[in-house]
Amino acid sequence: MLSCACGSELGSAIGAFEAGQLPEAARELRFLEARARRFQGHEWARYTLYRGLTEFALGDLERANRFLVPLKREVDRRPETLSDAERGALFAAFRSMGRMPGEP
């Protein structure tokens, strides 16, 4: 499990993702999209991470990239934006998509 989703608007969606309930996670994250535009800092990063990971897990690479690429740029500039586990999940997704620099 990547993290506790307790106390956040994201809690239910992250819980669904971590339980492997990907369609439910996607529904909840898409529902939150308008509100997520007002999120800042770690909350914004977590929304973006889980939205991208969920889209990637569902096979929508174009949509996953729309979320994960800007997040990766931000994490490269400010690693503290995500926890160690969350950064690991982001990097694993990039690696799985063949997008990590210096890797085939």
N, C-alpha and C. Protein backbone atom coordinates (compact mmCIF):
# COMPACT_ATOMS: atom_id res chain seq x y z
N MET A 1 0.83 -1.18 0.00
CA MET A 1 0.00 0.00 0.00
C MET A 1 0.88 1.25 0.00
N LEU A 2 0.50 2.24 -0.77
CA LEU A 2 1.32 3.43 -0.88
C LEU A 2 1.18 4.36 0.30
N SER A 3 -0.02 4.54 0.80
CA SER A 3 -0.19 5.51 1.87
C SER A 3 -1.57 5.41 2.46
N CYS A 4 -1.72 6.01 3.62
CA CYS A 4 -3.04 6.12 4.22
C CYS A 4 -3.76 7.28 3.57
N ALA A 5 -4.97 7.08 3.16
CA ALA A 5 -5.74 8.12 2.50
C ALA A 5 -6.68 8.82 3.46
N CYS A 6 -6.47 8.60 4.74
CA CYS A 6 -7.37 9.10 5.77
C CYS A 6 -7.49 10.62 5.74
N GLY A 7 -8.70 11.12 5.96
CA GLY A 7 -8.92 12.52 6.17
C GLY A 7 -8.82 13.39 4.93
N SER A 8 -8.81 12.85 3.78
CA SER A 8 -8.66 13.62 2.56
C SER A 8 -9.87 13.39 1.67
N GLU A 9 -10.16 14.41 0.84
CA GLU A 9 -11.21 14.21 -0.16
C GLU A 9 -10.85 13.04 -1.07
N LEU A 10 -9.59 12.76 -1.16
CA LEU A 10 -9.10 11.68 -2.02
C LEU A 10 -9.23 10.31 -1.38
N GLY A 11 -9.51 10.26 -0.09
CA GLY A 11 -9.47 9.02 0.66
C GLY A 11 -10.18 7.85 0.02
N SER A 12 -11.41 8.05 -0.38
CA SER A 12 -12.19 6.96 -0.95
C SER A 12 -11.60 6.49 -2.28
N ALA A 13 -11.18 7.44 -3.11
CA ALA A 13 -10.61 7.08 -4.41
C ALA A 13 -9.29 6.34 -4.25
N ILE A 14 -8.44 6.81 -3.34
CA ILE A 14 -7.17 6.13 -3.10
C ILE A 14 -7.41 4.75 -2.52
N GLY A 15 -8.35 4.65 -1.62
CA GLY A 15 -8.71 3.35 -1.06
C GLY A 15 -9.16 2.38 -2.14
N ALA A 16 -9.99 2.86 -3.07
CA ALA A 16 -10.46 2.01 -4.17
C ALA A 16 -9.28 1.58 -5.04
N PHE A 17 -8.37 2.52 -5.33
CA PHE A 17 -7.18 2.18 -6.13
C PHE A 17 -6.37 1.10 -5.43
N GLU A 18 -6.09 1.30 -4.17
CA GLU A 18 -5.26 0.36 -3.43
C GLU A 18 -5.92 -1.00 -3.26
N ALA A 19 -7.25 -1.04 -3.32
CA ALA A 19 -7.98 -2.30 -3.24
C ALA A 19 -8.14 -2.95 -4.61
N GLY A 20 -7.59 -2.31 -5.65
CA GLY A 20 -7.69 -2.86 -6.99
C GLY A 20 -9.02 -2.62 -7.66
N GLN A 21 -9.82 -1.73 -7.10
CA GLN A 21 -11.13 -1.41 -7.67
C GLN A 21 -10.95 -0.21 -8.61
N LEU A 22 -10.29 -0.48 -9.72
CA LEU A 22 -9.87 0.58 -10.63
C LEU A 22 -11.01 1.37 -11.26
N PRO A 23 -12.09 0.72 -11.73
CA PRO A 23 -13.18 1.53 -12.29
C PRO A 23 -13.79 2.48 -11.25
N GLU A 24 -13.92 2.00 -10.01
CA GLU A 24 -14.45 2.85 -8.94
C GLU A 24 -13.49 4.00 -8.65
N ALA A 25 -12.20 3.70 -8.57
CA ALA A 25 -11.20 4.75 -8.33
C ALA A 25 -11.26 5.79 -9.45
N ALA A 26 -11.34 5.34 -10.69
CA ALA A 26 -11.41 6.26 -11.82
C ALA A 26 -12.65 7.14 -11.74
N ARG A 27 -13.80 6.55 -11.43
CA ARG A 27 -15.04 7.33 -11.29
C ARG A 27 -14.88 8.43 -10.24
N GLU A 28 -14.35 8.03 -9.09
CA GLU A 28 -14.21 9.00 -7.99
C GLU A 28 -13.19 10.09 -8.32
N LEU A 29 -12.08 9.72 -8.92
CA LEU A 29 -11.07 10.72 -9.28
C LEU A 29 -11.57 11.66 -10.36
N ARG A 30 -12.30 11.14 -11.33
CA ARG A 30 -12.85 11.99 -12.38
C ARG A 30 -13.89 12.95 -11.80
N PHE A 31 -14.66 12.46 -10.84
CA PHE A 31 -15.65 13.29 -10.16
C PHE A 31 -14.98 14.45 -9.42
N LEU A 32 -13.82 14.18 -8.86
CA LEU A 32 -13.07 15.20 -8.10
C LEU A 32 -12.30 16.18 -8.98
N GLU A 33 -12.24 15.95 -10.27
CA GLU A 33 -11.35 16.74 -11.13
C GLU A 33 -11.56 18.24 -11.00
N ALA A 34 -12.79 18.72 -11.01
CA ALA A 34 -13.03 20.16 -10.92
C ALA A 34 -12.52 20.71 -9.58
N ARG A 35 -12.78 20.00 -8.50
CA ARG A 35 -12.29 20.44 -7.19
C ARG A 35 -10.78 20.33 -7.10
N ALA A 36 -10.21 19.33 -7.74
CA ALA A 36 -8.77 19.09 -7.66
C ALA A 36 -7.97 20.25 -8.26
N ARG A 37 -8.57 21.01 -9.14
CA ARG A 37 -7.88 22.17 -9.71
C ARG A 37 -7.52 23.20 -8.63
N ARG A 38 -8.23 23.15 -7.50
CA ARG A 38 -7.95 24.07 -6.40
C ARG A 38 -6.98 23.46 -5.38
N PHE A 39 -6.67 22.18 -5.51
CA PHE A 39 -5.74 21.55 -4.58
C PHE A 39 -4.36 22.16 -4.76
N GLN A 40 -3.60 22.14 -3.68
CA GLN A 40 -2.23 22.66 -3.74
C GLN A 40 -1.28 21.69 -3.07
N GLY A 41 -0.01 21.85 -3.36
CA GLY A 41 1.02 21.09 -2.68
C GLY A 41 0.83 19.58 -2.76
N HIS A 42 0.95 18.96 -1.60
CA HIS A 42 0.90 17.50 -1.53
C HIS A 42 -0.46 16.95 -1.97
N GLU A 43 -1.53 17.65 -1.63
CA GLU A 43 -2.86 17.18 -2.03
C GLU A 43 -3.00 17.16 -3.55
N TRP A 44 -2.52 18.23 -4.22
CA TRP A 44 -2.55 18.26 -5.69
C TRP A 44 -1.70 17.12 -6.26
N ALA A 45 -0.51 16.94 -5.69
CA ALA A 45 0.39 15.91 -6.20
C ALA A 45 -0.22 14.52 -6.03
N ARG A 46 -0.85 14.26 -4.91
CA ARG A 46 -1.47 12.95 -4.68
C ARG A 46 -2.62 12.72 -5.65
N TYR A 47 -3.46 13.74 -5.85
CA TYR A 47 -4.55 13.59 -6.82
C TYR A 47 -3.98 13.25 -8.19
N THR A 48 -2.99 14.02 -8.62
CA THR A 48 -2.39 13.83 -9.93
C THR A 48 -1.76 12.45 -10.05
N LEU A 49 -1.05 12.03 -9.01
CA LEU A 49 -0.42 10.71 -9.02
C LEU A 49 -1.46 9.61 -9.17
N TYR A 50 -2.44 9.59 -8.30
CA TYR A 50 -3.43 8.51 -8.34
C TYR A 50 -4.31 8.57 -9.57
N ARG A 51 -4.58 9.76 -10.07
CA ARG A 51 -5.35 9.86 -11.31
C ARG A 51 -4.54 9.25 -12.45
N GLY A 52 -3.26 9.61 -12.53
CA GLY A 52 -2.41 9.06 -13.58
C GLY A 52 -2.21 7.56 -13.44
N LEU A 53 -1.96 7.10 -12.23
CA LEU A 53 -1.76 5.66 -12.02
C LEU A 53 -3.02 4.87 -12.36
N THR A 54 -4.16 5.42 -12.01
CA THR A 54 -5.42 4.74 -12.31
C THR A 54 -5.65 4.66 -13.81
N GLU A 55 -5.44 5.77 -14.50
CA GLU A 55 -5.62 5.77 -15.96
C GLU A 55 -4.64 4.80 -16.62
N PHE A 56 -3.41 4.79 -16.12
CA PHE A 56 -2.40 3.87 -16.65
C PHE A 56 -2.83 2.42 -16.42
N ALA A 57 -3.28 2.11 -15.22
CA ALA A 57 -3.71 0.74 -14.90
C ALA A 57 -4.91 0.31 -15.75
N LEU A 58 -5.73 1.27 -16.15
CA LEU A 58 -6.88 0.97 -16.99
C LEU A 58 -6.52 0.95 -18.48
N GLY A 59 -5.26 1.24 -18.79
CA GLY A 59 -4.80 1.13 -20.17
C GLY A 59 -4.89 2.40 -21.00
N ASP A 60 -5.23 3.52 -20.38
CA ASP A 60 -5.33 4.78 -21.13
C ASP A 60 -4.03 5.55 -20.94
N LEU A 61 -3.03 5.23 -21.77
CA LEU A 61 -1.71 5.83 -21.64
C LEU A 61 -1.71 7.32 -21.94
N GLU A 62 -2.52 7.74 -22.89
CA GLU A 62 -2.59 9.17 -23.22
C GLU A 62 -3.08 9.98 -22.02
N ARG A 63 -4.14 9.51 -21.41
CA ARG A 63 -4.68 10.21 -20.24
C ARG A 63 -3.71 10.11 -19.07
N ALA A 64 -3.08 8.97 -18.88
CA ALA A 64 -2.10 8.79 -17.80
C ALA A 64 -0.96 9.80 -17.96
N ASN A 65 -0.46 9.94 -19.18
CA ASN A 65 0.62 10.89 -19.44
C ASN A 65 0.22 12.32 -19.12
N ARG A 66 -1.03 12.65 -19.38
CA ARG A 66 -1.52 14.01 -19.12
C ARG A 66 -1.37 14.37 -17.64
N PHE A 67 -1.44 13.37 -16.77
CA PHE A 67 -1.30 13.62 -15.34
C PHE A 67 0.12 13.36 -14.84
N LEU A 68 0.72 12.29 -15.29
CA LEU A 68 2.00 11.88 -14.74
C LEU A 68 3.19 12.70 -15.24
N VAL A 69 3.16 13.16 -16.47
CA VAL A 69 4.30 13.91 -17.01
C VAL A 69 4.50 15.23 -16.27
N PRO A 70 3.46 16.06 -16.09
CA PRO A 70 3.67 17.29 -15.33
C PRO A 70 4.08 17.02 -13.87
N LEU A 71 3.51 15.97 -13.30
CA LEU A 71 3.87 15.62 -11.93
C LEU A 71 5.33 15.22 -11.84
N LYS A 72 5.81 14.45 -12.79
CA LYS A 72 7.22 14.02 -12.79
C LYS A 72 8.12 15.25 -12.87
N ARG A 73 7.77 16.21 -13.70
CA ARG A 73 8.57 17.44 -13.80
C ARG A 73 8.63 18.16 -12.45
N GLU A 74 7.48 18.24 -11.79
CA GLU A 74 7.43 18.90 -10.49
C GLU A 74 8.24 18.13 -9.45
N VAL A 75 8.14 16.83 -9.45
CA VAL A 75 8.89 16.01 -8.48
C VAL A 75 10.39 16.08 -8.77
N ASP A 76 10.77 16.18 -10.01
CA ASP A 76 12.19 16.34 -10.34
C ASP A 76 12.73 17.65 -9.75
N ARG A 77 11.90 18.69 -9.77
CA ARG A 77 12.31 19.99 -9.21
C ARG A 77 12.22 20.00 -7.68
N ARG A 78 11.16 19.37 -7.15
CA ARG A 78 10.90 19.39 -5.71
C ARG A 78 10.51 17.99 -5.24
N PRO A 79 11.48 17.14 -4.95
CA PRO A 79 11.20 15.76 -4.56
C PRO A 79 10.26 15.63 -3.35
N GLU A 80 10.28 16.60 -2.47
CA GLU A 80 9.43 16.54 -1.27
C GLU A 80 7.94 16.67 -1.59
N THR A 81 7.61 16.93 -2.83
CA THR A 81 6.21 17.03 -3.25
C THR A 81 5.45 15.74 -2.95
N LEU A 82 6.14 14.61 -3.05
CA LEU A 82 5.54 13.30 -2.77
C LEU A 82 6.38 12.59 -1.72
N SER A 83 5.75 11.64 -1.04
CA SER A 83 6.49 10.80 -0.10
C SER A 83 7.41 9.85 -0.88
N ASP A 84 8.30 9.20 -0.19
CA ASP A 84 9.20 8.24 -0.84
C ASP A 84 8.41 7.16 -1.57
N ALA A 85 7.39 6.62 -0.92
CA ALA A 85 6.59 5.56 -1.55
C ALA A 85 5.84 6.07 -2.78
N GLU A 86 5.32 7.29 -2.68
CA GLU A 86 4.60 7.87 -3.82
C GLU A 86 5.54 8.15 -4.98
N ARG A 87 6.75 8.66 -4.68
CA ARG A 87 7.74 8.86 -5.74
C ARG A 87 8.09 7.53 -6.39
N GLY A 88 8.23 6.49 -5.57
CA GLY A 88 8.52 5.17 -6.11
C GLY A 88 7.44 4.70 -7.07
N ALA A 89 6.19 4.95 -6.71
CA ALA A 89 5.08 4.55 -7.59
C ALA A 89 5.11 5.34 -8.89
N LEU A 90 5.41 6.63 -8.79
CA LEU A 90 5.52 7.47 -9.99
C LEU A 90 6.63 6.97 -10.89
N PHE A 91 7.80 6.72 -10.31
CA PHE A 91 8.94 6.26 -11.10
C PHE A 91 8.68 4.88 -11.69
N ALA A 92 8.01 4.01 -10.95
CA ALA A 92 7.68 2.68 -11.47
C ALA A 92 6.74 2.79 -12.68
N ALA A 93 5.78 3.71 -12.60
CA ALA A 93 4.87 3.91 -13.73
C ALA A 93 5.65 4.42 -14.94
N PHE A 94 6.53 5.39 -14.73
CA PHE A 94 7.35 5.90 -15.83
C PHE A 94 8.22 4.79 -16.43
N ARG A 95 8.80 4.00 -15.56
CA ARG A 95 9.64 2.89 -16.03
C ARG A 95 8.80 1.92 -16.85
N SER A 96 7.60 1.59 -16.38
CA SER A 96 6.72 0.67 -17.09
C SER A 96 6.29 1.20 -18.45
N MET A 97 6.22 2.53 -18.55
CA MET A 97 5.84 3.16 -19.81
C MET A 97 7.04 3.38 -20.71
N GLY A 98 8.24 3.02 -20.24
CA GLY A 98 9.45 3.20 -21.03
C GLY A 98 9.86 4.65 -21.13
N ARG A 99 9.53 5.45 -20.10
CA ARG A 99 9.80 6.89 -20.15
C ARG A 99 10.93 7.34 -19.24
N MET A 100 11.60 6.43 -18.54
CA MET A 100 12.69 6.85 -17.66
C MET A 100 13.93 7.13 -18.51
N PRO A 101 14.52 8.30 -18.33
CA PRO A 101 15.72 8.64 -19.10
C PRO A 101 16.84 7.62 -18.87
N GLY A 102 17.51 7.27 -19.93
CA GLY A 102 18.63 6.35 -19.83
C GLY A 102 18.25 4.89 -19.76
N GLU A 103 16.97 4.60 -19.84
CA GLU A 103 16.52 3.20 -19.83
C GLU A 103 15.91 2.87 -21.18
N PRO A 104 16.07 1.63 -21.61
CA PRO A 104 15.51 1.25 -22.91
C PRO A 104 13.99 1.25 -22.91
